[in-house]
Amino acid sequence: SNMGELCVHSVMVTGANRGLGLGFVQHFLKMPKPPQWIFATCRDPKGQRAQELQNLASKHPNLVIIALEVASPASIKAAAAKVGEHLRDSGLNLLINNAGMVKSKMLDDETLEDMTETYTTNTTGPLLMGQAFLPLLKKAAQRSPGSGLSCSKAAIVNMSSIGGSIASSFGWDLMQIVSYRCSKVLSHML
């Protein structure tokens, strides 16, 4: 078997209706051995911004779209229950916390509300997701053969950004996006 080959039974991608999240979904669908289940989440699965995801789901029965607002504990709990119903005893192999938000603010017009909303989505959201899906991830890890750590067993991947780098002030002159940068610095500790 190829060392670089990812072989997962199930994967969940948050913020899957566009950008990197949609790219992950498309990649998993095109794999030689695609996951048996791909759970793609977004705030409004029936909305216009999820059109591409809807098109993919109509062609791929292994793709399940789930409504999820990562800033809402109730929404996270409901999503975990739905995923659990589909997976039954098999568990979830891979959780990709990709959902995020950015507010285009400069340092001098940043607000408490924007900072709080961005932290809740980008930092607290992945923490709550990990907690809610941990039982399903543990179930998958226990069922997986072999020892050692592997994304094929069970893993949580939290998406980061160069904007969260303390060593680099990349793009500061173009867009300061303070709340986003701070939220990504915090998420490095998760």
N, C-alpha and C. Protein backbone atom coordinates (compact mmCIF):
# COMPACT_ATOMS: atom_id res chain seq x y z
N SER A 1 0.84 -1.19 0.00
CA SER A 1 0.00 0.00 0.00
C SER A 1 0.88 1.25 0.00
N ASN A 2 0.46 2.25 -0.69
CA ASN A 2 1.18 3.50 -0.81
C ASN A 2 1.16 4.24 0.53
N MET A 3 2.32 4.66 1.02
CA MET A 3 2.41 5.36 2.31
C MET A 3 1.56 6.64 2.30
N GLY A 4 1.51 7.32 1.17
CA GLY A 4 0.80 8.59 1.10
C GLY A 4 -0.69 8.44 0.83
N GLU A 5 -1.15 7.21 0.70
CA GLU A 5 -2.55 6.98 0.35
C GLU A 5 -3.43 7.07 1.59
N LEU A 6 -4.42 7.92 1.51
CA LEU A 6 -5.38 8.06 2.60
C LEU A 6 -6.53 7.11 2.34
N CYS A 7 -6.82 6.28 3.30
CA CYS A 7 -7.91 5.33 3.14
C CYS A 7 -8.85 5.49 4.33
N VAL A 8 -9.95 6.18 4.12
CA VAL A 8 -10.89 6.42 5.22
C VAL A 8 -12.28 5.93 4.83
N HIS A 9 -12.98 5.42 5.82
CA HIS A 9 -14.36 4.96 5.64
C HIS A 9 -15.30 6.16 5.65
N SER A 10 -14.99 7.15 6.50
CA SER A 10 -15.88 8.30 6.64
C SER A 10 -15.11 9.57 6.96
N VAL A 11 -15.60 10.67 6.41
CA VAL A 11 -14.97 11.97 6.63
C VAL A 11 -16.05 13.03 6.76
N MET A 12 -15.78 14.04 7.58
CA MET A 12 -16.70 15.17 7.71
C MET A 12 -15.90 16.44 7.46
N VAL A 13 -16.45 17.31 6.59
CA VAL A 13 -15.81 18.58 6.26
C VAL A 13 -16.78 19.70 6.60
N THR A 14 -16.38 20.60 7.50
CA THR A 14 -17.24 21.75 7.82
C THR A 14 -16.93 22.88 6.85
N GLY A 15 -17.91 23.76 6.66
CA GLY A 15 -17.73 24.86 5.72
C GLY A 15 -17.46 24.35 4.32
N ALA A 16 -18.26 23.36 3.90
CA ALA A 16 -17.97 22.62 2.67
C ALA A 16 -18.65 23.17 1.42
N ASN A 17 -19.34 24.29 1.53
CA ASN A 17 -20.08 24.79 0.37
C ASN A 17 -19.24 25.64 -0.58
N ARG A 18 -18.02 26.02 -0.17
CA ARG A 18 -17.18 26.82 -1.08
C ARG A 18 -15.72 26.76 -0.63
N GLY A 19 -14.85 27.31 -1.43
CA GLY A 19 -13.45 27.42 -1.07
C GLY A 19 -12.77 26.09 -0.79
N LEU A 20 -11.91 26.08 0.22
CA LEU A 20 -11.16 24.88 0.56
C LEU A 20 -12.07 23.72 0.96
N GLY A 21 -13.15 24.02 1.67
CA GLY A 21 -14.07 22.96 2.10
C GLY A 21 -14.66 22.22 0.92
N LEU A 22 -15.12 22.96 -0.07
CA LEU A 22 -15.67 22.35 -1.29
C LEU A 22 -14.56 21.59 -2.03
N GLY A 23 -13.36 22.15 -2.03
CA GLY A 23 -12.22 21.47 -2.65
C GLY A 23 -11.93 20.13 -2.00
N PHE A 24 -12.00 20.07 -0.67
CA PHE A 24 -11.81 18.80 0.04
C PHE A 24 -12.86 17.79 -0.40
N VAL A 25 -14.12 18.20 -0.43
CA VAL A 25 -15.21 17.30 -0.82
C VAL A 25 -14.97 16.76 -2.23
N GLN A 26 -14.64 17.66 -3.16
CA GLN A 26 -14.37 17.24 -4.54
C GLN A 26 -13.21 16.25 -4.60
N HIS A 27 -12.17 16.52 -3.82
CA HIS A 27 -11.01 15.62 -3.79
C HIS A 27 -11.39 14.24 -3.27
N PHE A 28 -12.13 14.19 -2.17
CA PHE A 28 -12.53 12.89 -1.60
C PHE A 28 -13.41 12.11 -2.58
N LEU A 29 -14.28 12.80 -3.29
CA LEU A 29 -15.16 12.12 -4.26
C LEU A 29 -14.37 11.53 -5.42
N LYS A 30 -13.24 12.15 -5.79
CA LYS A 30 -12.45 11.69 -6.93
C LYS A 30 -11.40 10.65 -6.57
N MET A 31 -11.26 10.33 -5.30
CA MET A 31 -10.23 9.36 -4.89
C MET A 31 -10.50 8.00 -5.52
N PRO A 32 -9.43 7.22 -5.80
CA PRO A 32 -9.63 5.87 -6.36
C PRO A 32 -10.54 5.02 -5.47
N LYS A 33 -10.35 5.15 -4.15
CA LYS A 33 -11.24 4.48 -3.20
C LYS A 33 -11.86 5.56 -2.32
N PRO A 34 -12.94 6.19 -2.79
CA PRO A 34 -13.53 7.29 -2.01
C PRO A 34 -14.12 6.78 -0.69
N PRO A 35 -14.23 7.66 0.29
CA PRO A 35 -14.86 7.25 1.55
C PRO A 35 -16.29 6.75 1.31
N GLN A 36 -16.70 5.81 2.13
CA GLN A 36 -18.08 5.31 2.03
C GLN A 36 -19.06 6.43 2.39
N TRP A 37 -18.65 7.29 3.31
CA TRP A 37 -19.47 8.43 3.72
C TRP A 37 -18.64 9.71 3.70
N ILE A 38 -19.18 10.73 3.06
CA ILE A 38 -18.59 12.07 3.11
C ILE A 38 -19.70 12.99 3.62
N PHE A 39 -19.48 13.56 4.80
CA PHE A 39 -20.45 14.48 5.38
C PHE A 39 -19.95 15.89 5.14
N ALA A 40 -20.72 16.66 4.40
CA ALA A 40 -20.35 18.03 4.05
C ALA A 40 -21.31 18.97 4.75
N THR A 41 -20.77 19.88 5.54
CA THR A 41 -21.65 20.77 6.28
C THR A 41 -21.54 22.21 5.80
N CYS A 42 -22.65 22.92 5.97
CA CYS A 42 -22.68 24.36 5.75
C CYS A 42 -23.90 24.91 6.48
N ARG A 43 -23.95 26.22 6.61
CA ARG A 43 -25.04 26.84 7.36
C ARG A 43 -26.40 26.60 6.71
N ASP A 44 -26.45 26.74 5.40
CA ASP A 44 -27.73 26.66 4.68
C ASP A 44 -27.62 25.72 3.48
N PRO A 45 -27.79 24.40 3.72
CA PRO A 45 -27.61 23.42 2.64
C PRO A 45 -28.53 23.60 1.45
N LYS A 46 -29.68 24.23 1.65
CA LYS A 46 -30.64 24.39 0.55
C LYS A 46 -30.48 25.75 -0.14
N GLY A 47 -29.59 26.58 0.37
CA GLY A 47 -29.42 27.93 -0.15
C GLY A 47 -28.61 27.99 -1.43
N GLN A 48 -28.60 29.16 -2.02
CA GLN A 48 -27.89 29.41 -3.28
C GLN A 48 -26.39 29.17 -3.15
N ARG A 49 -25.83 29.51 -1.99
CA ARG A 49 -24.37 29.37 -1.81
C ARG A 49 -23.94 27.90 -1.69
N ALA A 50 -24.91 27.00 -1.58
CA ALA A 50 -24.58 25.57 -1.49
C ALA A 50 -24.95 24.83 -2.78
N GLN A 51 -25.19 25.56 -3.85
CA GLN A 51 -25.65 24.97 -5.12
C GLN A 51 -24.69 23.91 -5.65
N GLU A 52 -23.41 24.21 -5.64
CA GLU A 52 -22.40 23.27 -6.15
C GLU A 52 -22.39 21.99 -5.32
N LEU A 53 -22.52 22.14 -4.01
CA LEU A 53 -22.58 21.00 -3.10
C LEU A 53 -23.82 20.15 -3.38
N GLN A 54 -24.95 20.82 -3.61
CA GLN A 54 -26.20 20.11 -3.95
C GLN A 54 -26.03 19.31 -5.24
N ASN A 55 -25.39 19.93 -6.24
CA ASN A 55 -25.16 19.24 -7.51
C ASN A 55 -24.32 17.98 -7.31
N LEU A 56 -23.26 18.09 -6.51
CA LEU A 56 -22.41 16.93 -6.23
C LEU A 56 -23.20 15.84 -5.50
N ALA A 57 -24.00 16.23 -4.52
CA ALA A 57 -24.77 15.26 -3.74
C ALA A 57 -25.79 14.52 -4.60
N SER A 58 -26.31 15.19 -5.62
CA SER A 58 -27.29 14.53 -6.50
C SER A 58 -26.64 13.44 -7.34
N LYS A 59 -25.31 13.52 -7.53
CA LYS A 59 -24.58 12.53 -8.33
C LYS A 59 -23.85 11.49 -7.49
N HIS A 60 -23.67 11.78 -6.22
CA HIS A 60 -22.87 10.89 -5.35
C HIS A 60 -23.67 10.52 -4.09
N PRO A 61 -24.22 9.30 -4.05
CA PRO A 61 -25.02 8.90 -2.88
C PRO A 61 -24.23 8.81 -1.58
N ASN A 62 -22.89 8.79 -1.66
CA ASN A 62 -22.08 8.74 -0.44
C ASN A 62 -21.84 10.12 0.17
N LEU A 63 -22.32 11.17 -0.51
CA LEU A 63 -22.17 12.54 -0.02
C LEU A 63 -23.46 12.98 0.67
N VAL A 64 -23.35 13.30 1.95
CA VAL A 64 -24.50 13.72 2.75
C VAL A 64 -24.27 15.16 3.20
N ILE A 65 -25.20 16.04 2.86
CA ILE A 65 -25.08 17.45 3.26
C ILE A 65 -25.85 17.64 4.57
N ILE A 66 -25.20 18.28 5.52
CA ILE A 66 -25.80 18.49 6.84
C ILE A 66 -25.72 19.97 7.21
N ALA A 67 -26.83 20.50 7.71
CA ALA A 67 -26.85 21.88 8.18
C ALA A 67 -26.03 21.97 9.47
N LEU A 68 -25.15 22.96 9.53
CA LEU A 68 -24.33 23.13 10.73
C LEU A 68 -23.90 24.58 10.87
N GLU A 69 -24.09 25.11 12.06
CA GLU A 69 -23.56 26.41 12.45
C GLU A 69 -22.58 26.13 13.58
N VAL A 70 -21.28 26.23 13.30
CA VAL A 70 -20.28 25.83 14.29
C VAL A 70 -20.25 26.74 15.52
N ALA A 71 -20.92 27.88 15.45
CA ALA A 71 -20.99 28.77 16.61
C ALA A 71 -22.15 28.39 17.53
N SER A 72 -22.91 27.36 17.16
CA SER A 72 -24.09 26.96 17.93
C SER A 72 -23.93 25.55 18.50
N PRO A 73 -23.79 25.43 19.83
CA PRO A 73 -23.69 24.09 20.44
C PRO A 73 -24.87 23.18 20.08
N ALA A 74 -26.07 23.73 19.99
CA ALA A 74 -27.25 22.92 19.64
C ALA A 74 -27.14 22.39 18.22
N SER A 75 -26.66 23.21 17.31
CA SER A 75 -26.47 22.80 15.92
C SER A 75 -25.40 21.71 15.81
N ILE A 76 -24.33 21.86 16.58
CA ILE A 76 -23.25 20.86 16.59
C ILE A 76 -23.78 19.53 17.11
N LYS A 77 -24.55 19.58 18.18
CA LYS A 77 -25.12 18.36 18.77
C LYS A 77 -26.04 17.65 17.77
N ALA A 78 -26.87 18.43 17.08
CA ALA A 78 -27.79 17.86 16.09
C ALA A 78 -27.01 17.23 14.93
N ALA A 79 -25.94 17.88 14.49
CA ALA A 79 -25.12 17.34 13.40
C ALA A 79 -24.44 16.04 13.82
N ALA A 80 -23.94 16.00 15.05
CA ALA A 80 -23.29 14.78 15.56
C ALA A 80 -24.28 13.63 15.61
N ALA A 81 -25.51 13.92 16.01
CA ALA A 81 -26.55 12.88 16.06
C ALA A 81 -26.85 12.35 14.66
N LYS A 82 -26.96 13.27 13.68
CA LYS A 82 -27.24 12.86 12.29
C LYS A 82 -26.12 11.99 11.73
N VAL A 83 -24.89 12.41 11.95
CA VAL A 83 -23.74 11.64 11.46
C VAL A 83 -23.73 10.27 12.13
N GLY A 84 -23.99 10.24 13.42
CA GLY A 84 -24.05 8.98 14.17
C GLY A 84 -25.09 8.03 13.63
N GLU A 85 -26.24 8.56 13.21
CA GLU A 85 -27.31 7.72 12.62
C GLU A 85 -26.82 7.05 11.34
N HIS A 86 -26.11 7.79 10.51
CA HIS A 86 -25.60 7.23 9.26
C HIS A 86 -24.51 6.19 9.50
N LEU A 87 -23.63 6.48 10.45
CA LEU A 87 -22.46 5.63 10.66
C LEU A 87 -22.74 4.41 11.53
N ARG A 88 -23.78 4.49 12.33
CA ARG A 88 -24.12 3.42 13.28
C ARG A 88 -22.90 3.03 14.12
N ASP A 89 -22.37 1.83 13.91
CA ASP A 89 -21.27 1.36 14.76
C ASP A 89 -19.88 1.64 14.22
N SER A 90 -19.80 2.21 13.01
CA SER A 90 -18.48 2.30 12.38
C SER A 90 -17.64 3.50 12.85
N GLY A 91 -18.26 4.55 13.32
CA GLY A 91 -17.50 5.71 13.77
C GLY A 91 -17.02 6.60 12.63
N LEU A 92 -16.49 7.75 12.99
CA LEU A 92 -16.01 8.76 12.04
C LEU A 92 -14.49 8.76 12.03
N ASN A 93 -13.89 8.60 10.83
CA ASN A 93 -12.43 8.56 10.74
C ASN A 93 -11.78 9.94 10.77
N LEU A 94 -12.38 10.89 10.07
CA LEU A 94 -11.69 12.15 9.86
C LEU A 94 -12.65 13.33 9.97
N LEU A 95 -12.34 14.26 10.86
CA LEU A 95 -13.11 15.49 11.01
C LEU A 95 -12.21 16.64 10.57
N ILE A 96 -12.62 17.33 9.52
CA ILE A 96 -11.86 18.48 9.03
C ILE A 96 -12.63 19.75 9.39
N ASN A 97 -12.12 20.45 10.41
CA ASN A 97 -12.73 21.70 10.86
C ASN A 97 -12.23 22.82 9.96
N ASN A 98 -13.02 23.10 8.93
CA ASN A 98 -12.65 24.09 7.93
C ASN A 98 -13.51 25.35 8.02
N ALA A 99 -14.72 25.24 8.57
CA ALA A 99 -15.63 26.40 8.64
C ALA A 99 -14.94 27.55 9.36
N GLY A 100 -15.12 28.73 8.82
CA GLY A 100 -14.51 29.89 9.44
C GLY A 100 -15.12 31.16 8.90
N MET A 101 -14.74 32.26 9.52
CA MET A 101 -15.23 33.55 9.06
C MET A 101 -14.12 34.58 9.18
N VAL A 102 -14.25 35.61 8.39
CA VAL A 102 -13.28 36.71 8.45
C VAL A 102 -14.04 38.02 8.29
N LYS A 103 -13.67 38.99 9.10
CA LYS A 103 -14.25 40.33 9.00
C LYS A 103 -13.14 41.26 8.52
N SER A 104 -13.42 41.98 7.46
CA SER A 104 -12.40 42.89 6.89
C SER A 104 -12.34 44.18 7.69
N LYS A 105 -11.65 44.13 8.80
CA LYS A 105 -11.54 45.31 9.67
C LYS A 105 -10.08 45.69 9.85
N MET A 106 -9.86 46.97 10.03
CA MET A 106 -8.54 47.47 10.36
C MET A 106 -8.43 47.50 11.89
N LEU A 107 -7.22 47.57 12.38
CA LEU A 107 -7.00 47.56 13.82
C LEU A 107 -7.81 48.64 14.54
N ASP A 108 -7.87 49.83 13.95
CA ASP A 108 -8.54 50.93 14.65
C ASP A 108 -10.07 50.89 14.59
N ASP A 109 -10.66 50.00 13.75
CA ASP A 109 -12.13 49.91 13.76
C ASP A 109 -12.63 48.52 14.16
N GLU A 110 -11.75 47.70 14.73
CA GLU A 110 -12.15 46.39 15.24
C GLU A 110 -13.08 46.57 16.44
N THR A 111 -14.06 45.68 16.59
CA THR A 111 -15.02 45.81 17.69
C THR A 111 -15.05 44.55 18.56
N LEU A 112 -15.53 44.71 19.77
CA LEU A 112 -15.70 43.58 20.68
C LEU A 112 -16.62 42.54 20.06
N GLU A 113 -17.71 42.99 19.44
CA GLU A 113 -18.68 42.08 18.83
C GLU A 113 -18.05 41.24 17.72
N ASP A 114 -17.29 41.90 16.86
CA ASP A 114 -16.63 41.17 15.76
C ASP A 114 -15.58 40.20 16.29
N MET A 115 -14.81 40.64 17.28
CA MET A 115 -13.80 39.76 17.87
C MET A 115 -14.48 38.52 18.47
N THR A 116 -15.56 38.74 19.21
CA THR A 116 -16.26 37.64 19.88
C THR A 116 -16.87 36.69 18.86
N GLU A 117 -17.53 37.23 17.84
CA GLU A 117 -18.15 36.39 16.82
C GLU A 117 -17.10 35.56 16.06
N THR A 118 -15.99 36.19 15.74
CA THR A 118 -14.93 35.49 15.01
C THR A 118 -14.28 34.41 15.87
N TYR A 119 -14.00 34.71 17.14
CA TYR A 119 -13.44 33.70 18.05
C TYR A 119 -14.40 32.52 18.19
N THR A 120 -15.68 32.84 18.35
CA THR A 120 -16.67 31.78 18.55
C THR A 120 -16.68 30.83 17.36
N THR A 121 -16.66 31.37 16.16
CA THR A 121 -16.68 30.53 14.96
C THR A 121 -15.35 29.83 14.70
N ASN A 122 -14.25 30.58 14.75
CA ASN A 122 -12.96 30.06 14.30
C ASN A 122 -12.16 29.31 15.37
N THR A 123 -12.44 29.58 16.63
CA THR A 123 -11.64 28.97 17.70
C THR A 123 -12.49 28.06 18.58
N THR A 124 -13.57 28.60 19.12
CA THR A 124 -14.43 27.79 19.99
C THR A 124 -15.17 26.74 19.18
N GLY A 125 -15.58 27.07 17.95
CA GLY A 125 -16.29 26.12 17.09
C GLY A 125 -15.54 24.81 16.91
N PRO A 126 -14.27 24.86 16.47
CA PRO A 126 -13.51 23.62 16.33
C PRO A 126 -13.35 22.84 17.65
N LEU A 127 -13.21 23.55 18.76
CA LEU A 127 -13.12 22.87 20.06
C LEU A 127 -14.41 22.11 20.35
N LEU A 128 -15.55 22.78 20.19
CA LEU A 128 -16.85 22.14 20.45
C LEU A 128 -17.11 20.99 19.47
N MET A 129 -16.68 21.17 18.22
CA MET A 129 -16.82 20.10 17.23
C MET A 129 -16.03 18.87 17.66
N GLY A 130 -14.79 19.09 18.07
CA GLY A 130 -13.96 17.98 18.52
C GLY A 130 -14.58 17.24 19.69
N GLN A 131 -15.11 17.99 20.64
CA GLN A 131 -15.75 17.38 21.81
C GLN A 131 -16.98 16.58 21.40
N ALA A 132 -17.81 17.15 20.54
CA ALA A 132 -19.06 16.49 20.14
C ALA A 132 -18.82 15.23 19.31
N PHE A 133 -17.77 15.25 18.49
CA PHE A 133 -17.52 14.12 17.59
C PHE A 133 -16.49 13.13 18.14
N LEU A 134 -15.93 13.41 19.31
CA LEU A 134 -14.94 12.52 19.89
C LEU A 134 -15.43 11.08 20.07
N PRO A 135 -16.67 10.87 20.55
CA PRO A 135 -17.13 9.48 20.68
C PRO A 135 -17.14 8.73 19.33
N LEU A 136 -17.53 9.40 18.25
CA LEU A 136 -17.54 8.78 16.93
C LEU A 136 -16.11 8.55 16.42
N LEU A 137 -15.21 9.47 16.72
CA LEU A 137 -13.81 9.32 16.32
C LEU A 137 -13.15 8.16 17.08
N LYS A 138 -13.44 8.06 18.37
CA LYS A 138 -12.88 6.97 19.18
C LYS A 138 -13.39 5.62 18.68
N LYS A 139 -14.66 5.58 18.32
CA LYS A 139 -15.26 4.35 17.80
C LYS A 139 -14.52 3.90 16.53
N ALA A 140 -14.26 4.85 15.63
CA ALA A 140 -13.54 4.52 14.39
C ALA A 140 -12.12 4.05 14.69
N ALA A 141 -11.45 4.72 15.62
CA ALA A 141 -10.06 4.35 15.96
C ALA A 141 -10.00 2.94 16.53
N GLN A 142 -10.97 2.59 17.36
CA GLN A 142 -10.99 1.25 17.97
C GLN A 142 -11.24 0.16 16.94
N ARG A 143 -11.99 0.48 15.91
CA ARG A 143 -12.32 -0.51 14.87
C ARG A 143 -11.21 -0.64 13.82
N SER A 144 -10.30 0.31 13.81
CA SER A 144 -9.26 0.34 12.77
C SER A 144 -8.10 -0.58 13.14
N PRO A 145 -7.64 -1.37 12.17
CA PRO A 145 -6.51 -2.26 12.45
C PRO A 145 -5.20 -1.48 12.55
N GLY A 146 -4.22 -2.11 13.13
CA GLY A 146 -2.89 -1.50 13.20
C GLY A 146 -2.74 -0.61 14.41
N SER A 147 -1.47 -0.27 14.68
CA SER A 147 -1.20 0.59 15.82
C SER A 147 -0.64 1.91 15.31
N GLY A 148 -0.42 2.82 16.20
CA GLY A 148 0.14 4.11 15.80
C GLY A 148 -0.93 5.10 15.38
N LEU A 149 -0.48 6.30 15.09
CA LEU A 149 -1.39 7.37 14.72
C LEU A 149 -1.55 7.42 13.21
N SER A 150 -2.77 7.69 12.76
CA SER A 150 -3.02 7.76 11.32
C SER A 150 -4.36 8.43 11.07
N CYS A 151 -4.43 9.24 10.02
CA CYS A 151 -5.70 9.85 9.61
C CYS A 151 -6.67 8.77 9.14
N SER A 152 -6.15 7.62 8.73
CA SER A 152 -7.02 6.52 8.30
C SER A 152 -7.71 5.87 9.50
N LYS A 153 -7.15 6.02 10.69
CA LYS A 153 -7.78 5.51 11.91
C LYS A 153 -8.83 6.53 12.37
N ALA A 154 -8.35 7.65 12.89
CA ALA A 154 -9.22 8.74 13.32
C ALA A 154 -8.37 9.97 13.57
N ALA A 155 -8.86 11.12 13.14
CA ALA A 155 -8.10 12.35 13.33
C ALA A 155 -9.01 13.56 13.23
N ILE A 156 -8.57 14.62 13.88
CA ILE A 156 -9.21 15.93 13.74
C ILE A 156 -8.17 16.84 13.08
N VAL A 157 -8.57 17.48 11.99
CA VAL A 157 -7.70 18.43 11.30
C VAL A 157 -8.34 19.81 11.43
N ASN A 158 -7.64 20.73 12.10
CA ASN A 158 -8.12 22.10 12.22
C ASN A 158 -7.37 22.95 11.20
N MET A 159 -8.12 23.55 10.29
CA MET A 159 -7.50 24.37 9.24
C MET A 159 -6.93 25.65 9.85
N SER A 160 -5.74 25.98 9.40
CA SER A 160 -5.06 27.17 9.89
C SER A 160 -4.85 28.15 8.74
N SER A 161 -4.02 29.13 8.99
CA SER A 161 -3.78 30.17 8.00
C SER A 161 -2.47 30.87 8.33
N ILE A 162 -1.79 31.34 7.30
CA ILE A 162 -0.58 32.14 7.55
C ILE A 162 -0.95 33.41 8.31
N GLY A 163 -2.22 33.80 8.21
CA GLY A 163 -2.70 34.96 8.97
C GLY A 163 -2.59 34.76 10.47
N GLY A 164 -2.49 33.50 10.90
CA GLY A 164 -2.36 33.19 12.32
C GLY A 164 -0.92 33.01 12.75
N SER A 165 0.01 33.33 11.88
CA SER A 165 1.43 33.17 12.21
C SER A 165 1.92 34.35 13.04
N ILE A 166 2.56 34.04 14.15
CA ILE A 166 3.16 35.10 14.96
C ILE A 166 4.49 35.54 14.33
N ALA A 167 5.16 34.61 13.66
CA ALA A 167 6.46 34.90 13.05
C ALA A 167 6.35 35.75 11.79
N SER A 168 5.20 35.69 11.13
CA SER A 168 5.04 36.41 9.86
C SER A 168 3.88 37.39 9.94
N SER A 169 4.10 38.59 9.47
CA SER A 169 2.99 39.56 9.41
C SER A 169 2.48 39.65 7.98
N PHE A 170 2.48 38.49 7.30
CA PHE A 170 2.09 38.39 5.90
C PHE A 170 0.77 39.12 5.64
N GLY A 171 0.77 40.04 4.68
CA GLY A 171 -0.45 40.70 4.25
C GLY A 171 -0.98 41.80 5.16
N TRP A 172 -0.26 42.13 6.23
CA TRP A 172 -0.77 43.13 7.18
C TRP A 172 -1.07 44.46 6.48
N ASP A 173 -0.22 44.86 5.54
CA ASP A 173 -0.42 46.13 4.84
C ASP A 173 -1.68 46.11 3.98
N LEU A 174 -2.03 44.94 3.45
CA LEU A 174 -3.21 44.82 2.59
C LEU A 174 -4.50 44.73 3.39
N MET A 175 -4.48 43.83 4.39
CA MET A 175 -5.68 43.67 5.21
C MET A 175 -5.26 43.19 6.59
N GLN A 176 -5.65 43.96 7.57
CA GLN A 176 -5.21 43.64 8.93
C GLN A 176 -6.03 42.51 9.55
N ILE A 177 -7.30 42.42 9.19
CA ILE A 177 -8.19 41.34 9.66
C ILE A 177 -7.82 40.82 11.05
N VAL A 178 -7.82 41.74 12.01
CA VAL A 178 -7.31 41.48 13.35
C VAL A 178 -8.02 40.31 14.03
N SER A 179 -9.35 40.32 14.02
CA SER A 179 -10.08 39.26 14.72
C SER A 179 -9.78 37.89 14.12
N TYR A 180 -9.66 37.82 12.81
CA TYR A 180 -9.34 36.56 12.13
C TYR A 180 -7.95 36.08 12.53
N ARG A 181 -6.97 36.98 12.45
CA ARG A 181 -5.59 36.62 12.79
C ARG A 181 -5.51 36.11 14.23
N CYS A 182 -6.14 36.83 15.14
CA CYS A 182 -6.10 36.43 16.56
C CYS A 182 -6.78 35.08 16.76
N SER A 183 -7.91 34.85 16.07
CA SER A 183 -8.63 33.58 16.23
C SER A 183 -7.78 32.42 15.73
N LYS A 184 -7.01 32.64 14.68
CA LYS A 184 -6.17 31.57 14.13
C LYS A 184 -4.96 31.30 15.02
N VAL A 185 -4.41 32.35 15.64
CA VAL A 185 -3.33 32.14 16.61
C VAL A 185 -3.84 31.24 17.74
N LEU A 186 -5.02 31.54 18.26
CA LEU A 186 -5.59 30.73 19.34
C LEU A 186 -5.85 29.30 18.90
N SER A 187 -6.33 29.12 17.67
CA SER A 187 -6.66 27.77 17.21
C SER A 187 -5.42 26.88 17.07
N HIS A 188 -4.23 27.50 16.97
CA HIS A 188 -3.00 26.70 16.90
C HIS A 188 -2.78 25.91 18.19
N MET A 189 -3.38 26.35 19.27
CA MET A 189 -3.20 25.68 20.56
C MET A 189 -4.21 24.55 20.77
N LEU A 190 -5.18 24.42 19.88
CA LEU A 190 -6.20 23.37 20.05
C LEU A 190 -5.63 21.99 19.74
